[in-house]
Amino acid sequence: MNVHRYADLSASELYNITQTDDSFHDGDIFVLENLGIVGFLMEAWPVILHGTDSSKELHQLKQGYHHPVKYDPTLQEAAVLFAHLTSI
């Protein structure tokens, strides 16, 4: 799993990057520092785990959704990154 950090990027720009940049892989984490968003690439879809995307460009997991176990390490790392992001 890789972590992709961006200091000044919109949700729309991030979405486009996840679809066109070959360095993004299933399970990779993204951090949009300027928007306070942490999420990950679930197969081909950028999904928010923490924070809010007011533009609604990024996907969100529905309440009660149980992610595949293979994403457990990703979700744990994303929670740590979000805690650090919000403590700055």
PDB file of N, CA and C in Angstrom:
ATOM      1  N   MET A   1       0.845  -1.178   0.000  1.00  0.00           N
ATOM      2  CA  MET A   1       0.000   0.000   0.000  1.00  0.00           C
ATOM      3  C   MET A   1       0.889   1.239   0.000  1.00  0.00           C
ATOM      4  N   ASN A   2       0.553   2.170  -0.867  1.00  0.00           N
ATOM      5  CA  ASN A   2       1.252   3.453  -0.929  1.00  0.00           C
ATOM      6  C   ASN A   2       0.348   4.532  -0.356  1.00  0.00           C
ATOM      7  N   VAL A   3       0.966   5.596   0.127  1.00  0.00           N
ATOM      8  CA  VAL A   3       0.215   6.763   0.596  1.00  0.00           C
ATOM      9  C   VAL A   3       0.534   7.917  -0.348  1.00  0.00           C
ATOM     10  N   HIS A   4      -0.515   8.497  -0.930  1.00  0.00           N
ATOM     11  CA  HIS A   4      -0.390   9.622  -1.850  1.00  0.00           C
ATOM     12  C   HIS A   4      -0.911  10.859  -1.125  1.00  0.00           C
ATOM     13  N   ARG A   5      -0.021  11.814  -0.865  1.00  0.00           N
ATOM     14  CA  ARG A   5      -0.384  13.033  -0.126  1.00  0.00           C
ATOM     15  C   ARG A   5      -0.434  14.224  -1.077  1.00  0.00           C
ATOM     16  N   TYR A   6      -1.465  15.043  -0.891  1.00  0.00           N
ATOM     17  CA  TYR A   6      -1.613  16.250  -1.695  1.00  0.00           C
ATOM     18  C   TYR A   6      -1.959  17.412  -0.779  1.00  0.00           C
ATOM     19  N   ALA A   7      -1.230  18.510  -0.927  1.00  0.00           N
ATOM     20  CA  ALA A   7      -1.437  19.676  -0.068  1.00  0.00           C
ATOM     21  C   ALA A   7      -2.518  20.603  -0.613  1.00  0.00           C
ATOM     22  N   ASP A   8      -2.699  20.618  -1.925  1.00  0.00           N
ATOM     23  CA  ASP A   8      -3.634  21.577  -2.517  1.00  0.00           C
ATOM     24  C   ASP A   8      -4.251  20.988  -3.785  1.00  0.00           C
ATOM     25  N   LEU A   9      -5.227  20.122  -3.585  1.00  0.00           N
ATOM     26  CA  LEU A   9      -5.859  19.440  -4.704  1.00  0.00           C
ATOM     27  C   LEU A   9      -7.351  19.336  -4.432  1.00  0.00           C
ATOM     28  N   SER A  10      -8.151  19.495  -5.466  1.00  0.00           N
ATOM     29  CA  SER A  10      -9.600  19.336  -5.293  1.00  0.00           C
ATOM     30  C   SER A  10      -9.964  17.851  -5.359  1.00  0.00           C
ATOM     31  N   ALA A  11     -11.150  17.530  -4.898  1.00  0.00           N
ATOM     32  CA  ALA A  11     -11.632  16.150  -4.960  1.00  0.00           C
ATOM     33  C   ALA A  11     -11.749  15.701  -6.413  1.00  0.00           C
ATOM     34  N   SER A  12     -12.181  16.590  -7.282  1.00  0.00           N
ATOM     35  CA  SER A  12     -12.312  16.274  -8.701  1.00  0.00           C
ATOM     36  C   SER A  12     -10.949  15.961  -9.321  1.00  0.00           C
ATOM     37  N   GLU A  13      -9.952  16.761  -8.983  1.00  0.00           N
ATOM     38  CA  GLU A  13      -8.598  16.517  -9.495  1.00  0.00           C
ATOM     39  C   GLU A  13      -8.066  15.177  -8.988  1.00  0.00           C
ATOM     40  N   LEU A  14      -8.311  14.883  -7.718  1.00  0.00           N
ATOM     41  CA  LEU A  14      -7.865  13.607  -7.166  1.00  0.00           C
ATOM     42  C   LEU A  14      -8.542  12.453  -7.900  1.00  0.00           C
ATOM     43  N   TYR A  15      -9.841  12.560  -8.110  1.00  0.00           N
ATOM     44  CA  TYR A  15     -10.568  11.505  -8.816  1.00  0.00           C
ATOM     45  C   TYR A  15      -9.905  11.219 -10.160  1.00  0.00           C
ATOM     46  N   ASN A  16      -9.618  12.282 -10.908  1.00  0.00           N
ATOM     47  CA  ASN A  16      -8.987  12.113 -12.215  1.00  0.00           C
ATOM     48  C   ASN A  16      -7.622  11.453 -12.101  1.00  0.00           C
ATOM     49  N   ILE A  17      -6.848  11.840 -11.112  1.00  0.00           N
ATOM     50  CA  ILE A  17      -5.519  11.253 -10.919  1.00  0.00           C
ATOM     51  C   ILE A  17      -5.627   9.762 -10.635  1.00  0.00           C
ATOM     52  N   THR A  18      -6.581   9.372  -9.799  1.00  0.00           N
ATOM     53  CA  THR A  18      -6.702   7.944  -9.468  1.00  0.00           C
ATOM     54  C   THR A  18      -7.079   7.105 -10.685  1.00  0.00           C
ATOM     55  N   GLN A  19      -7.700   7.729 -11.659  1.00  0.00           N
ATOM     56  CA  GLN A  19      -8.127   6.999 -12.851  1.00  0.00           C
ATOM     57  C   GLN A  19      -7.067   6.972 -13.954  1.00  0.00           C
ATOM     58  N   THR A  20      -6.078   7.878 -13.879  1.00  0.00           N
ATOM     59  CA  THR A  20      -5.116   7.999 -14.976  1.00  0.00           C
ATOM     60  C   THR A  20      -3.668   7.770 -14.567  1.00  0.00           C
ATOM     61  N   ASP A  21      -3.357   7.820 -13.294  1.00  0.00           N
ATOM     62  CA  ASP A  21      -1.976   7.685 -12.817  1.00  0.00           C
ATOM     63  C   ASP A  21      -1.696   6.229 -12.463  1.00  0.00           C
ATOM     64  N   ASP A  22      -0.783   5.625 -13.194  1.00  0.00           N
ATOM     65  CA  ASP A  22      -0.474   4.205 -12.986  1.00  0.00           C
ATOM     66  C   ASP A  22       0.204   3.913 -11.656  1.00  0.00           C
ATOM     67  N   SER A  23       0.579   4.950 -10.911  1.00  0.00           N
ATOM     68  CA  SER A  23       1.193   4.707  -9.600  1.00  0.00           C
ATOM     69  C   SER A  23       0.137   4.426  -8.526  1.00  0.00           C
ATOM     70  N   PHE A  24      -1.142   4.672  -8.837  1.00  0.00           N
ATOM     71  CA  PHE A  24      -2.234   4.353  -7.903  1.00  0.00           C
ATOM     72  C   PHE A  24      -2.640   2.893  -8.082  1.00  0.00           C
ATOM     73  N   HIS A  25      -2.764   2.181  -6.954  1.00  0.00           N
ATOM     74  CA  HIS A  25      -3.142   0.768  -6.993  1.00  0.00           C
ATOM     75  C   HIS A  25      -4.251   0.494  -5.976  1.00  0.00           C
ATOM     76  N   ASP A  26      -4.961  -0.572  -6.199  1.00  0.00           N
ATOM     77  CA  ASP A  26      -6.001  -1.023  -5.277  1.00  0.00           C
ATOM     78  C   ASP A  26      -5.440  -1.060  -3.855  1.00  0.00           C
ATOM     79  N   GLY A  27      -6.127  -0.400  -2.927  1.00  0.00           N
ATOM     80  CA  GLY A  27      -5.694  -0.373  -1.530  1.00  0.00           C
ATOM     81  C   GLY A  27      -4.812   0.800  -1.163  1.00  0.00           C
ATOM     82  N   ASP A  28      -4.365   1.586  -2.147  1.00  0.00           N
ATOM     83  CA  ASP A  28      -3.548   2.762  -1.835  1.00  0.00           C
ATOM     84  C   ASP A  28      -4.386   3.813  -1.115  1.00  0.00           C
ATOM     85  N   ILE A  29      -3.722   4.562  -0.267  1.00  0.00           N
ATOM     86  CA  ILE A  29      -4.364   5.616   0.526  1.00  0.00           C
ATOM     87  C   ILE A  29      -4.085   6.967  -0.116  1.00  0.00           C
ATOM     88  N   PHE A  30      -5.076   7.861  -0.058  1.00  0.00           N
ATOM     89  CA  PHE A  30      -4.841   9.252  -0.462  1.00  0.00           C
ATOM     90  C   PHE A  30      -5.191  10.174   0.693  1.00  0.00           C
ATOM     91  N   VAL A  31      -4.440  11.263   0.782  1.00  0.00           N
ATOM     92  CA  VAL A  31      -4.661  12.286   1.799  1.00  0.00           C
ATOM     93  C   VAL A  31      -4.772  13.625   1.080  1.00  0.00           C
ATOM     94  N   LEU A  32      -5.921  14.274   1.214  1.00  0.00           N
ATOM     95  CA  LEU A  32      -6.114  15.627   0.692  1.00  0.00           C
ATOM     96  C   LEU A  32      -6.021  16.565   1.885  1.00  0.00           C
ATOM     97  N   GLU A  33      -4.814  17.021   2.148  1.00  0.00           N
ATOM     98  CA  GLU A  33      -4.563  17.803   3.366  1.00  0.00           C
ATOM     99  C   GLU A  33      -5.400  19.070   3.411  1.00  0.00           C
ATOM    100  N   ASN A  34      -5.555  19.751   2.272  1.00  0.00           N
ATOM    101  CA  ASN A  34      -6.302  21.006   2.245  1.00  0.00           C
ATOM    102  C   ASN A  34      -7.792  20.814   2.511  1.00  0.00           C
ATOM    103  N   LEU A  35      -8.312  19.618   2.247  1.00  0.00           N
ATOM    104  CA  LEU A  35      -9.733  19.339   2.457  1.00  0.00           C
ATOM    105  C   LEU A  35      -9.998  18.512   3.708  1.00  0.00           C
ATOM    106  N   GLY A  36      -8.931  18.038   4.360  1.00  0.00           N
ATOM    107  CA  GLY A  36      -9.102  17.213   5.555  1.00  0.00           C
ATOM    108  C   GLY A  36      -9.720  15.858   5.248  1.00  0.00           C
ATOM    109  N   ILE A  37      -9.374  15.296   4.082  1.00  0.00           N
ATOM    110  CA  ILE A  37      -9.937  14.027   3.637  1.00  0.00           C
ATOM    111  C   ILE A  37      -8.858  12.948   3.574  1.00  0.00           C
ATOM    112  N   VAL A  38      -9.191  11.771   4.074  1.00  0.00           N
ATOM    113  CA  VAL A  38      -8.350  10.588   3.923  1.00  0.00           C
ATOM    114  C   VAL A  38      -9.241   9.485   3.357  1.00  0.00           C
ATOM    115  N   GLY A  39      -8.727   8.808   2.349  1.00  0.00           N
ATOM    116  CA  GLY A  39      -9.488   7.726   1.743  1.00  0.00           C
ATOM    117  C   GLY A  39      -8.562   6.730   1.085  1.00  0.00           C
ATOM    118  N   PHE A  40      -9.145   5.856   0.292  1.00  0.00           N
ATOM    119  CA  PHE A  40      -8.335   4.841  -0.365  1.00  0.00           C
ATOM    120  C   PHE A  40      -8.958   4.443  -1.697  1.00  0.00           C
ATOM    121  N   LEU A  41      -8.155   3.788  -2.503  1.00  0.00           N
ATOM    122  CA  LEU A  41      -8.635   3.288  -3.779  1.00  0.00           C
ATOM    123  C   LEU A  41      -9.151   1.872  -3.570  1.00  0.00           C
ATOM    124  N   MET A  42     -10.449   1.694  -3.752  1.00  0.00           N
ATOM    125  CA  MET A  42     -11.081   0.387  -3.612  1.00  0.00           C
ATOM    126  C   MET A  42     -11.354  -0.109  -5.028  1.00  0.00           C
ATOM    127  N   GLU A  43     -10.484  -1.014  -5.469  1.00  0.00           N
ATOM    128  CA  GLU A  43     -10.453  -1.444  -6.858  1.00  0.00           C
ATOM    129  C   GLU A  43     -10.200  -0.203  -7.705  1.00  0.00           C
ATOM    130  N   ALA A  44     -11.158   0.297  -8.459  1.00  0.00           N
ATOM    131  CA  ALA A  44     -10.930   1.487  -9.292  1.00  0.00           C
ATOM    132  C   ALA A  44     -11.545   2.759  -8.718  1.00  0.00           C
ATOM    133  N   TRP A  45     -12.163   2.674  -7.535  1.00  0.00           N
ATOM    134  CA  TRP A  45     -12.956   3.787  -7.030  1.00  0.00           C
ATOM    135  C   TRP A  45     -12.291   4.469  -5.841  1.00  0.00           C
ATOM    136  N   PRO A  46     -12.097   5.797  -5.906  1.00  0.00           N
ATOM    137  CA  PRO A  46     -11.593   6.535  -4.751  1.00  0.00           C
ATOM    138  C   PRO A  46     -12.714   6.711  -3.713  1.00  0.00           C
ATOM    139  N   VAL A  47     -12.474   6.192  -2.517  1.00  0.00           N
ATOM    140  CA  VAL A  47     -13.494   6.149  -1.469  1.00  0.00           C
ATOM    141  C   VAL A  47     -13.011   6.933  -0.250  1.00  0.00           C
ATOM    142  N   ILE A  48     -13.859   7.824   0.254  1.00  0.00           N
ATOM    143  CA  ILE A  48     -13.539   8.581   1.467  1.00  0.00           C
ATOM    144  C   ILE A  48     -13.736   7.688   2.683  1.00  0.00           C
ATOM    145  N   LEU A  49     -12.765   7.722   3.571  1.00  0.00           N
ATOM    146  CA  LEU A  49     -12.897   7.035   4.859  1.00  0.00           C
ATOM    147  C   LEU A  49     -13.114   8.024   5.987  1.00  0.00           C
ATOM    148  N   HIS A  50     -12.450   9.166   5.901  1.00  0.00           N
ATOM    149  CA  HIS A  50     -12.517  10.186   6.958  1.00  0.00           C
ATOM    150  C   HIS A  50     -12.582  11.552   6.293  1.00  0.00           C
ATOM    151  N   GLY A  51     -13.447  12.394   6.806  1.00  0.00           N
ATOM    152  CA  GLY A  51     -13.617  13.727   6.251  1.00  0.00           C
ATOM    153  C   GLY A  51     -14.870  13.779   5.396  1.00  0.00           C
ATOM    154  N   THR A  52     -15.114  14.937   4.791  1.00  0.00           N
ATOM    155  CA  THR A  52     -16.326  15.153   4.010  1.00  0.00           C
ATOM    156  C   THR A  52     -15.976  15.798   2.681  1.00  0.00           C
ATOM    157  N   ASP A  53     -16.530  15.267   1.619  1.00  0.00           N
ATOM    158  CA  ASP A  53     -16.348  15.819   0.279  1.00  0.00           C
ATOM    159  C   ASP A  53     -17.623  16.551  -0.105  1.00  0.00           C
ATOM    160  N   SER A  54     -17.627  17.861   0.065  1.00  0.00           N
ATOM    161  CA  SER A  54     -18.836  18.636  -0.229  1.00  0.00           C
ATOM    162  C   SER A  54     -19.152  18.642  -1.725  1.00  0.00           C
ATOM    163  N   SER A  55     -18.166  18.358  -2.568  1.00  0.00           N
ATOM    164  CA  SER A  55     -18.411  18.332  -4.014  1.00  0.00           C
ATOM    165  C   SER A  55     -19.071  17.029  -4.467  1.00  0.00           C
ATOM    166  N   LYS A  56     -19.040  16.013  -3.598  1.00  0.00           N
ATOM    167  CA  LYS A  56     -19.629  14.694  -3.897  1.00  0.00           C
ATOM    168  C   LYS A  56     -18.935  13.990  -5.076  1.00  0.00           C
ATOM    169  N   GLU A  57     -17.672  14.366  -5.347  1.00  0.00           N
ATOM    170  CA  GLU A  57     -16.914  13.741  -6.434  1.00  0.00           C
ATOM    171  C   GLU A  57     -16.412  12.349  -6.053  1.00  0.00           C
ATOM    172  N   LEU A  58     -16.103  12.155  -4.776  1.00  0.00           N
ATOM    173  CA  LEU A  58     -15.522  10.897  -4.320  1.00  0.00           C
ATOM    174  C   LEU A  58     -16.607   9.979  -3.767  1.00  0.00           C
ATOM    175  N   HIS A  59     -16.360   8.708  -3.812  1.00  0.00           N
ATOM    176  CA  HIS A  59     -17.331   7.724  -3.330  1.00  0.00           C
ATOM    177  C   HIS A  59     -17.269   7.608  -1.811  1.00  0.00           C
ATOM    178  N   GLN A  60     -18.370   7.178  -1.225  1.00  0.00           N
ATOM    179  CA  GLN A  60     -18.430   6.915   0.204  1.00  0.00           C
ATOM    180  C   GLN A  60     -19.030   5.539   0.412  1.00  0.00           C
ATOM    181  N   LEU A  61     -18.554   4.843   1.433  1.00  0.00           N
ATOM    182  CA  LEU A  61     -19.114   3.537   1.755  1.00  0.00           C
ATOM    183  C   LEU A  61     -20.467   3.734   2.433  1.00  0.00           C
ATOM    184  N   LYS A  62     -21.420   2.954   2.047  1.00  0.00           N
ATOM    185  CA  LYS A  62     -22.739   3.037   2.678  1.00  0.00           C
ATOM    186  C   LYS A  62     -22.659   2.504   4.102  1.00  0.00           C
ATOM    187  N   GLN A  63     -23.460   3.096   4.970  1.00  0.00           N
ATOM    188  CA  GLN A  63     -23.494   2.655   6.363  1.00  0.00           C
ATOM    189  C   GLN A  63     -23.834   1.167   6.412  1.00  0.00           C
ATOM    190  N   GLY A  64     -23.086   0.440   7.203  1.00  0.00           N
ATOM    191  CA  GLY A  64     -23.311  -0.987   7.340  1.00  0.00           C
ATOM    192  C   GLY A  64     -22.553  -1.835   6.331  1.00  0.00           C
ATOM    193  N   TYR A  65     -21.856  -1.179   5.382  1.00  0.00           N
ATOM    194  CA  TYR A  65     -21.086  -1.932   4.398  1.00  0.00           C
ATOM    195  C   TYR A  65     -19.904  -2.609   5.080  1.00  0.00           C
ATOM    196  N   HIS A  66     -19.692  -3.856   4.784  1.00  0.00           N
ATOM    197  CA  HIS A  66     -18.550  -4.589   5.337  1.00  0.00           C
ATOM    198  C   HIS A  66     -17.532  -4.786   4.226  1.00  0.00           C
ATOM    199  N   HIS A  67     -16.417  -4.082   4.366  1.00  0.00           N
ATOM    200  CA  HIS A  67     -15.365  -4.136   3.355  1.00  0.00           C
ATOM    201  C   HIS A  67     -14.674  -5.503   3.362  1.00  0.00           C
ATOM    202  N   PRO A  68     -14.083  -5.879   2.236  1.00  0.00           N
ATOM    203  CA  PRO A  68     -13.305  -7.118   2.219  1.00  0.00           C
ATOM    204  C   PRO A  68     -12.125  -7.040   3.200  1.00  0.00           C
ATOM    205  N   VAL A  69     -11.807  -8.136   3.810  1.00  0.00           N
ATOM    206  CA  VAL A  69     -10.740  -8.213   4.813  1.00  0.00           C
ATOM    207  C   VAL A  69      -9.403  -7.707   4.260  1.00  0.00           C
ATOM    208  N   LYS A  70      -9.178  -7.858   2.966  1.00  0.00           N
ATOM    209  CA  LYS A  70      -7.898  -7.428   2.399  1.00  0.00           C
ATOM    210  C   LYS A  70      -7.639  -5.938   2.614  1.00  0.00           C
ATOM    211  N   TYR A  71      -8.676  -5.150   2.905  1.00  0.00           N
ATOM    212  CA  TYR A  71      -8.505  -3.717   3.130  1.00  0.00           C
ATOM    213  C   TYR A  71      -8.267  -3.358   4.604  1.00  0.00           C
ATOM    214  N   ASP A  72      -8.275  -4.309   5.501  1.00  0.00           N
ATOM    215  CA  ASP A  72      -8.085  -4.014   6.923  1.00  0.00           C
ATOM    216  C   ASP A  72      -6.828  -3.190   7.191  1.00  0.00           C
ATOM    217  N   PRO A  73      -5.646  -3.574   6.675  1.00  0.00           N
ATOM    218  CA  PRO A  73      -4.445  -2.769   6.935  1.00  0.00           C
ATOM    219  C   PRO A  73      -4.564  -1.344   6.383  1.00  0.00           C
ATOM    220  N   THR A  74      -5.208  -1.211   5.235  1.00  0.00           N
ATOM    221  CA  THR A  74      -5.407   0.109   4.633  1.00  0.00           C
ATOM    222  C   THR A  74      -6.270   0.981   5.533  1.00  0.00           C
ATOM    223  N   LEU A  75      -7.372   0.444   6.018  1.00  0.00           N
ATOM    224  CA  LEU A  75      -8.277   1.210   6.866  1.00  0.00           C
ATOM    225  C   LEU A  75      -7.622   1.586   8.189  1.00  0.00           C
ATOM    226  N   GLN A  76      -6.822   0.706   8.740  1.00  0.00           N
ATOM    227  CA  GLN A  76      -6.107   1.010   9.984  1.00  0.00           C
ATOM    228  C   GLN A  76      -5.108   2.142   9.766  1.00  0.00           C
ATOM    229  N   GLU A  77      -4.346   2.068   8.691  1.00  0.00           N
ATOM    230  CA  GLU A  77      -3.364   3.124   8.401  1.00  0.00           C
ATOM    231  C   GLU A  77      -4.057   4.447   8.096  1.00  0.00           C
ATOM    232  N   ALA A  78      -5.170   4.411   7.383  1.00  0.00           N
ATOM    233  CA  ALA A  78      -5.920   5.630   7.070  1.00  0.00           C
ATOM    234  C   ALA A  78      -6.414   6.306   8.343  1.00  0.00           C
ATOM    235  N   ALA A  79      -6.850   5.531   9.320  1.00  0.00           N
ATOM    236  CA  ALA A  79      -7.316   6.103  10.594  1.00  0.00           C
ATOM    237  C   ALA A  79      -6.171   6.810  11.309  1.00  0.00           C
ATOM    238  N   VAL A  80      -4.983   6.230  11.275  1.00  0.00           N
ATOM    239  CA  VAL A  80      -3.807   6.857  11.897  1.00  0.00           C
ATOM    240  C   VAL A  80      -3.467   8.160  11.179  1.00  0.00           C
ATOM    241  N   LEU A  81      -3.484   8.141   9.859  1.00  0.00           N
ATOM    242  CA  LEU A  81      -3.176   9.339   9.082  1.00  0.00           C
ATOM    243  C   LEU A  81      -4.193  10.447   9.340  1.00  0.00           C
ATOM    244  N   PHE A  82      -5.478  10.080   9.437  1.00  0.00           N
ATOM    245  CA  PHE A  82      -6.507  11.091   9.702  1.00  0.00           C
ATOM    246  C   PHE A  82      -6.341  11.681  11.084  1.00  0.00           C
ATOM    247  N   ALA A  83      -6.024  10.855  12.055  1.00  0.00           N
ATOM    248  CA  ALA A  83      -5.802  11.364  13.422  1.00  0.00           C
ATOM    249  C   ALA A  83      -4.641  12.351  13.436  1.00  0.00           C
ATOM    250  N   HIS A  84      -3.603  12.041  12.689  1.00  0.00           N
ATOM    251  CA  HIS A  84      -2.449  12.954  12.610  1.00  0.00           C
ATOM    252  C   HIS A  84      -2.851  14.246  11.878  1.00  0.00           C
ATOM    253  N   LEU A  85      -3.600  14.108  10.814  1.00  0.00           N
ATOM    254  CA  LEU A  85      -4.027  15.265  10.017  1.00  0.00           C
ATOM    255  C   LEU A  85      -4.864  16.220  10.855  1.00  0.00           C
ATOM    256  N   THR A  86      -5.744  15.695  11.666  1.00  0.00           N
ATOM    257  CA  THR A  86      -6.634  16.546  12.459  1.00  0.00           C
ATOM    258  C   THR A  86      -5.972  17.096  13.719  1.00  0.00           C
ATOM    259  N   SER A  87      -4.805  16.563  14.065  1.00  0.00           N
ATOM    260  CA  SER A  87      -4.117  17.055  15.265  1.00  0.00           C
ATOM    261  C   SER A  87      -3.131  18.181  14.947  1.00  0.00           C
ATOM    262  N   ILE A  88      -2.948  18.458  13.671  1.00  0.00           N
ATOM    263  CA  ILE A  88      -1.984  19.511  13.267  1.00  0.00           C
ATOM    264  C   ILE A  88      -2.585  20.876  13.468  1.00  0.00           C
TER     265      ILE A  88
END
